[in-house]
PDB file of all heavy atoms in Angstrom:
ATOM      1  N   ALA A   1     -24.336  31.632  32.130  1.00  0.00           N
ATOM      2  CA  ALA A   1     -25.044  31.373  33.394  1.00  0.00           C
ATOM      3  C   ALA A   1     -24.357  32.044  34.576  1.00  0.00           C
ATOM      4  O   ALA A   1     -25.034  32.623  35.435  1.00  0.00           O
ATOM      5  CB  ALA A   1     -25.153  29.871  33.631  1.00  0.00           C
ATOM      6  N   LEU A   2     -23.035  31.994  34.636  1.00  0.00           N
ATOM      7  CA  LEU A   2     -22.321  32.544  35.797  1.00  0.00           C
ATOM      8  C   LEU A   2     -22.511  34.061  35.924  1.00  0.00           C
ATOM      9  O   LEU A   2     -22.829  34.553  37.021  1.00  0.00           O
ATOM     10  CB  LEU A   2     -20.839  32.159  35.730  1.00  0.00           C
ATOM     11  CG  LEU A   2     -20.549  30.679  36.054  1.00  0.00           C
ATOM     12  CD1 LEU A   2     -19.135  30.303  35.672  1.00  0.00           C
ATOM     13  CD2 LEU A   2     -20.820  30.364  37.517  1.00  0.00           C
ATOM     14  N   PRO A   3     -22.357  34.867  34.848  1.00  0.00           N
ATOM     15  CA  PRO A   3     -22.580  36.306  34.983  1.00  0.00           C
ATOM     16  C   PRO A   3     -24.031  36.630  35.370  1.00  0.00           C
ATOM     17  O   PRO A   3     -24.279  37.561  36.146  1.00  0.00           O
ATOM     18  CB  PRO A   3     -22.239  36.872  33.597  1.00  0.00           C
ATOM     19  CG  PRO A   3     -21.369  35.867  32.964  1.00  0.00           C
ATOM     20  CD  PRO A   3     -21.802  34.540  33.503  1.00  0.00           C
ATOM     21  N   ILE A   4     -24.994  35.888  34.814  1.00  0.00           N
ATOM     22  CA  ILE A   4     -26.403  36.135  35.143  1.00  0.00           C
ATOM     23  C   ILE A   4     -26.653  35.850  36.622  1.00  0.00           C
ATOM     24  O   ILE A   4     -27.291  36.627  37.344  1.00  0.00           O
ATOM     25  CB  ILE A   4     -27.316  35.305  34.230  1.00  0.00           C
ATOM     26  CG1 ILE A   4     -27.317  35.830  32.817  1.00  0.00           C
ATOM     27  CG2 ILE A   4     -28.758  35.283  34.779  1.00  0.00           C
ATOM     28  CD1 ILE A   4     -28.033  34.986  31.785  1.00  0.00           C
ATOM     29  N   LEU A   5     -26.156  34.719  37.107  1.00  0.00           N
ATOM     30  CA  LEU A   5     -26.356  34.347  38.511  1.00  0.00           C
ATOM     31  C   LEU A   5     -25.683  35.345  39.453  1.00  0.00           C
ATOM     32  O   LEU A   5     -26.224  35.679  40.505  1.00  0.00           O
ATOM     33  CB  LEU A   5     -25.857  32.915  38.760  1.00  0.00           C
ATOM     34  CG  LEU A   5     -26.714  31.819  38.139  1.00  0.00           C
ATOM     35  CD1 LEU A   5     -26.017  30.463  38.246  1.00  0.00           C
ATOM     36  CD2 LEU A   5     -28.090  31.758  38.801  1.00  0.00           C
ATOM     37  N   GLN A   6     -24.492  35.805  39.044  1.00  0.00           N
ATOM     38  CA  GLN A   6     -23.809  36.806  39.897  1.00  0.00           C
ATOM     39  C   GLN A   6     -24.623  38.100  39.960  1.00  0.00           C
ATOM     40  O   GLN A   6     -24.792  38.684  41.040  1.00  0.00           O
ATOM     41  CB  GLN A   6     -22.414  37.080  39.352  1.00  0.00           C
ATOM     42  CG  GLN A   6     -21.626  38.103  40.170  1.00  0.00           C
ATOM     43  CD  GLN A   6     -20.158  37.748  40.284  1.00  0.00           C
ATOM     44  OE1 GLN A   6     -19.797  36.583  40.464  1.00  0.00           O
ATOM     45  NE2 GLN A   6     -19.295  38.718  40.164  1.00  0.00           N
ATOM     46  N   ALA A   7     -25.181  38.542  38.802  1.00  0.00           N
ATOM     47  CA  ALA A   7     -26.009  39.740  38.797  1.00  0.00           C
ATOM     48  C   ALA A   7     -27.270  39.533  39.630  1.00  0.00           C
ATOM     49  O   ALA A   7     -27.737  40.439  40.331  1.00  0.00           O
ATOM     50  CB  ALA A   7     -26.368  40.096  37.356  1.00  0.00           C
ATOM     51  N   LEU A   8     -27.819  38.308  39.583  1.00  0.00           N
ATOM     52  CA  LEU A   8     -29.020  38.006  40.345  1.00  0.00           C
ATOM     53  C   LEU A   8     -28.733  38.071  41.848  1.00  0.00           C
ATOM     54  O   LEU A   8     -29.504  38.627  42.639  1.00  0.00           O
ATOM     55  CB  LEU A   8     -29.518  36.614  39.966  1.00  0.00           C
ATOM     56  CG  LEU A   8     -30.710  36.054  40.759  1.00  0.00           C
ATOM     57  CD1 LEU A   8     -31.926  36.942  40.591  1.00  0.00           C
ATOM     58  CD2 LEU A   8     -31.019  34.620  40.318  1.00  0.00           C
ATOM     59  N   ILE A   9     -27.610  37.506  42.279  1.00  0.00           N
ATOM     60  CA  ILE A   9     -27.223  37.519  43.702  1.00  0.00           C
ATOM     61  C   ILE A   9     -27.090  38.956  44.193  1.00  0.00           C
ATOM     62  O   ILE A   9     -27.585  39.340  45.249  1.00  0.00           O
ATOM     63  CB  ILE A   9     -25.918  36.734  43.924  1.00  0.00           C
ATOM     64  CG1 ILE A   9     -26.167  35.226  43.704  1.00  0.00           C
ATOM     65  CG2 ILE A   9     -25.343  36.979  45.302  1.00  0.00           C
ATOM     66  CD1 ILE A   9     -24.890  34.397  43.552  1.00  0.00           C
ATOM     67  N   GLN A  10     -26.416  39.791  43.366  1.00  0.00           N
ATOM     68  CA  GLN A  10     -26.211  41.191  43.747  1.00  0.00           C
ATOM     69  C   GLN A  10     -27.522  41.969  43.803  1.00  0.00           C
ATOM     70  O   GLN A  10     -27.791  42.732  44.712  1.00  0.00           O
ATOM     71  CB  GLN A  10     -25.217  41.855  42.790  1.00  0.00           C
ATOM     72  CG  GLN A  10     -23.796  41.327  42.950  1.00  0.00           C
ATOM     73  CD  GLN A  10     -22.884  41.691  41.776  1.00  0.00           C
ATOM     74  OE1 GLN A  10     -23.339  42.229  40.769  1.00  0.00           O
ATOM     75  NE2 GLN A  10     -21.600  41.377  41.898  1.00  0.00           N
ATOM     76  N   ALA A  11     -28.408  41.727  42.808  1.00  0.00           N
ATOM     77  CA  ALA A  11     -29.690  42.436  42.755  1.00  0.00           C
ATOM     78  C   ALA A  11     -30.616  41.987  43.897  1.00  0.00           C
ATOM     79  O   ALA A  11     -31.368  42.790  44.419  1.00  0.00           O
ATOM     80  CB  ALA A  11     -30.364  42.175  41.409  1.00  0.00           C
ATOM     81  N   SER A  12     -30.546  40.705  44.274  1.00  0.00           N
ATOM     82  CA  SER A  12     -31.433  40.169  45.288  1.00  0.00           C
ATOM     83  C   SER A  12     -31.122  40.696  46.684  1.00  0.00           C
ATOM     84  O   SER A  12     -31.910  40.559  47.607  1.00  0.00           O
ATOM     85  CB  SER A  12     -31.391  38.646  45.289  1.00  0.00           C
ATOM     86  OG  SER A  12     -31.891  38.142  44.076  1.00  0.00           O
ATOM     87  N   GLU A  13     -29.931  41.264  46.855  1.00  0.00           N
ATOM     88  CA  GLU A  13     -29.601  41.870  48.144  1.00  0.00           C
ATOM     89  C   GLU A  13     -30.463  43.122  48.375  1.00  0.00           C
ATOM     90  O   GLU A  13     -30.704  43.515  49.510  1.00  0.00           O
ATOM     91  CB  GLU A  13     -28.102  42.252  48.189  1.00  0.00           C
ATOM     92  CG  GLU A  13     -27.206  41.014  48.257  1.00  0.00           C
ATOM     93  CD  GLU A  13     -25.737  41.356  48.003  1.00  0.00           C
ATOM     94  OE1 GLU A  13     -25.432  42.538  47.851  1.00  0.00           O
ATOM     95  OE2 GLU A  13     -24.913  40.427  47.956  1.00  0.00           O
ATOM     96  N   LYS A  14     -30.962  43.709  47.286  1.00  0.00           N
ATOM     97  CA  LYS A  14     -31.790  44.904  47.388  1.00  0.00           C
ATOM     98  C   LYS A  14     -33.293  44.604  47.338  1.00  0.00           C
ATOM     99  O   LYS A  14     -34.081  45.186  48.051  1.00  0.00           O
ATOM    100  CB  LYS A  14     -31.452  45.904  46.270  1.00  0.00           C
ATOM    101  CG  LYS A  14     -29.995  46.359  46.289  1.00  0.00           C
ATOM    102  CD  LYS A  14     -29.644  47.061  44.990  1.00  0.00           C
ATOM    103  CE  LYS A  14     -28.135  47.324  44.934  1.00  0.00           C
ATOM    104  NZ  LYS A  14     -27.717  47.815  43.625  1.00  0.00           N
ATOM    105  N   SER A  15     -33.698  43.623  46.502  1.00  0.00           N
ATOM    106  CA  SER A  15     -35.108  43.310  46.392  1.00  0.00           C
ATOM    107  C   SER A  15     -35.265  41.920  45.762  1.00  0.00           C
ATOM    108  O   SER A  15     -34.340  41.356  45.211  1.00  0.00           O
ATOM    109  CB  SER A  15     -35.821  44.322  45.509  1.00  0.00           C
ATOM    110  OG  SER A  15     -35.257  44.322  44.219  1.00  0.00           O
ATOM    111  N   VAL A  16     -36.500  41.370  45.846  1.00  0.00           N
ATOM    112  CA  VAL A  16     -36.785  40.069  45.240  1.00  0.00           C
ATOM    113  C   VAL A  16     -36.741  40.245  43.714  1.00  0.00           C
ATOM    114  O   VAL A  16     -37.291  41.203  43.193  1.00  0.00           O
ATOM    115  CB  VAL A  16     -38.173  39.565  45.690  1.00  0.00           C
ATOM    116  CG1 VAL A  16     -38.511  38.257  44.978  1.00  0.00           C
ATOM    117  CG2 VAL A  16     -38.190  39.378  47.198  1.00  0.00           C
ATOM    118  N   GLN A  17     -36.130  39.293  43.053  1.00  0.00           N
ATOM    119  CA  GLN A  17     -35.962  39.407  41.589  1.00  0.00           C
ATOM    120  C   GLN A  17     -36.603  38.236  40.863  1.00  0.00           C
ATOM    121  O   GLN A  17     -35.936  37.250  40.532  1.00  0.00           O
ATOM    122  CB  GLN A  17     -34.454  39.479  41.266  1.00  0.00           C
ATOM    123  CG  GLN A  17     -33.749  40.667  41.828  1.00  0.00           C
ATOM    124  CD  GLN A  17     -34.191  41.977  41.193  1.00  0.00           C
ATOM    125  OE1 GLN A  17     -34.523  42.016  40.024  1.00  0.00           O
ATOM    126  NE2 GLN A  17     -34.141  43.068  41.952  1.00  0.00           N
ATOM    127  N   ALA A  18     -37.919  38.300  40.658  1.00  0.00           N
ATOM    128  CA  ALA A  18     -38.590  37.253  39.876  1.00  0.00           C
ATOM    129  C   ALA A  18     -38.414  37.562  38.375  1.00  0.00           C
ATOM    130  O   ALA A  18     -38.254  38.721  37.990  1.00  0.00           O
ATOM    131  CB  ALA A  18     -40.066  37.216  40.238  1.00  0.00           C
ATOM    132  N   PHE A  19     -38.444  36.522  37.569  1.00  0.00           N
ATOM    133  CA  PHE A  19     -38.303  36.624  36.099  1.00  0.00           C
ATOM    134  C   PHE A  19     -37.139  37.537  35.726  1.00  0.00           C
ATOM    135  O   PHE A  19     -37.259  38.471  34.960  1.00  0.00           O
ATOM    136  CB  PHE A  19     -39.618  37.143  35.500  1.00  0.00           C
ATOM    137  CG  PHE A  19     -40.813  36.349  35.910  1.00  0.00           C
ATOM    138  CD1 PHE A  19     -41.858  36.903  36.622  1.00  0.00           C
ATOM    139  CD2 PHE A  19     -40.889  34.994  35.622  1.00  0.00           C
ATOM    140  CE1 PHE A  19     -42.952  36.161  37.015  1.00  0.00           C
ATOM    141  CE2 PHE A  19     -41.983  34.222  36.009  1.00  0.00           C
ATOM    142  CZ  PHE A  19     -43.017  34.809  36.702  1.00  0.00           C
ATOM    143  N   PHE A  20     -36.002  37.229  36.310  1.00  0.00           N
ATOM    144  CA  PHE A  20     -34.789  38.043  36.136  1.00  0.00           C
ATOM    145  C   PHE A  20     -34.132  37.803  34.774  1.00  0.00           C
ATOM    146  O   PHE A  20     -33.623  38.708  34.148  1.00  0.00           O
ATOM    147  CB  PHE A  20     -33.802  37.687  37.271  1.00  0.00           C
ATOM    148  CG  PHE A  20     -32.582  38.542  37.337  1.00  0.00           C
ATOM    149  CD1 PHE A  20     -32.633  39.837  37.888  1.00  0.00           C
ATOM    150  CD2 PHE A  20     -31.350  38.107  36.873  1.00  0.00           C
ATOM    151  CE1 PHE A  20     -31.498  40.632  37.967  1.00  0.00           C
ATOM    152  CE2 PHE A  20     -30.214  38.896  36.955  1.00  0.00           C
ATOM    153  CZ  PHE A  20     -30.286  40.158  37.495  1.00  0.00           C
ATOM    154  N   ALA A  21     -34.170  36.533  34.317  1.00  0.00           N
ATOM    155  CA  ALA A  21     -33.517  36.178  33.055  1.00  0.00           C
ATOM    156  C   ALA A  21     -34.364  35.171  32.296  1.00  0.00           C
ATOM    157  O   ALA A  21     -35.052  34.335  32.903  1.00  0.00           O
ATOM    158  CB  ALA A  21     -32.122  35.612  33.305  1.00  0.00           C
ATOM    159  N   CYS A  22     -34.292  35.264  30.971  1.00  0.00           N
ATOM    160  CA  CYS A  22     -34.988  34.294  30.111  1.00  0.00           C
ATOM    161  C   CYS A  22     -33.952  33.730  29.121  1.00  0.00           C
ATOM    162  O   CYS A  22     -33.251  34.489  28.454  1.00  0.00           O
ATOM    163  CB  CYS A  22     -36.128  34.969  29.364  1.00  0.00           C
ATOM    164  SG  CYS A  22     -36.954  33.871  28.159  1.00  0.00           S
ATOM    165  N   ILE A  23     -33.890  32.400  29.063  1.00  0.00           N
ATOM    166  CA  ILE A  23     -32.969  31.734  28.143  1.00  0.00           C
ATOM    167  C   ILE A  23     -33.822  30.960  27.136  1.00  0.00           C
ATOM    168  O   ILE A  23     -34.663  30.133  27.517  1.00  0.00           O
ATOM    169  CB  ILE A  23     -32.004  30.790  28.880  1.00  0.00           C
ATOM    170  CG1 ILE A  23     -31.034  31.580  29.759  1.00  0.00           C
ATOM    171  CG2 ILE A  23     -31.169  29.981  27.876  1.00  0.00           C
ATOM    172  CD1 ILE A  23     -31.534  31.911  31.102  1.00  0.00           C
ATOM    173  N   LEU A  24     -33.594  31.226  25.857  1.00  0.00           N
ATOM    174  CA  LEU A  24     -34.337  30.540  24.794  1.00  0.00           C
ATOM    175  C   LEU A  24     -33.451  29.502  24.131  1.00  0.00           C
ATOM    176  O   LEU A  24     -32.279  29.770  23.849  1.00  0.00           O
ATOM    177  CB  LEU A  24     -34.830  31.545  23.763  1.00  0.00           C
ATOM    178  CG  LEU A  24     -35.906  32.536  24.244  1.00  0.00           C
ATOM    179  CD1 LEU A  24     -36.221  33.554  23.145  1.00  0.00           C
ATOM    180  CD2 LEU A  24     -37.157  31.807  24.690  1.00  0.00           C
ATOM    181  N   SER A  25     -34.056  28.352  23.842  1.00  0.00           N
ATOM    182  CA  SER A  25     -33.344  27.225  23.225  1.00  0.00           C
ATOM    183  C   SER A  25     -34.193  26.664  22.081  1.00  0.00           C
ATOM    184  O   SER A  25     -35.438  26.712  22.159  1.00  0.00           O
ATOM    185  CB  SER A  25     -33.105  26.166  24.270  1.00  0.00           C
ATOM    186  OG  SER A  25     -33.175  24.861  23.714  1.00  0.00           O
TER     187      SER A  25
END
């Protein structure tokens, strides 16, 4: 979760990031 959220924060500085990650359980 932490690496994904960090990548999301960095990517969102450039553009909106919908459906960035999918976790299957």
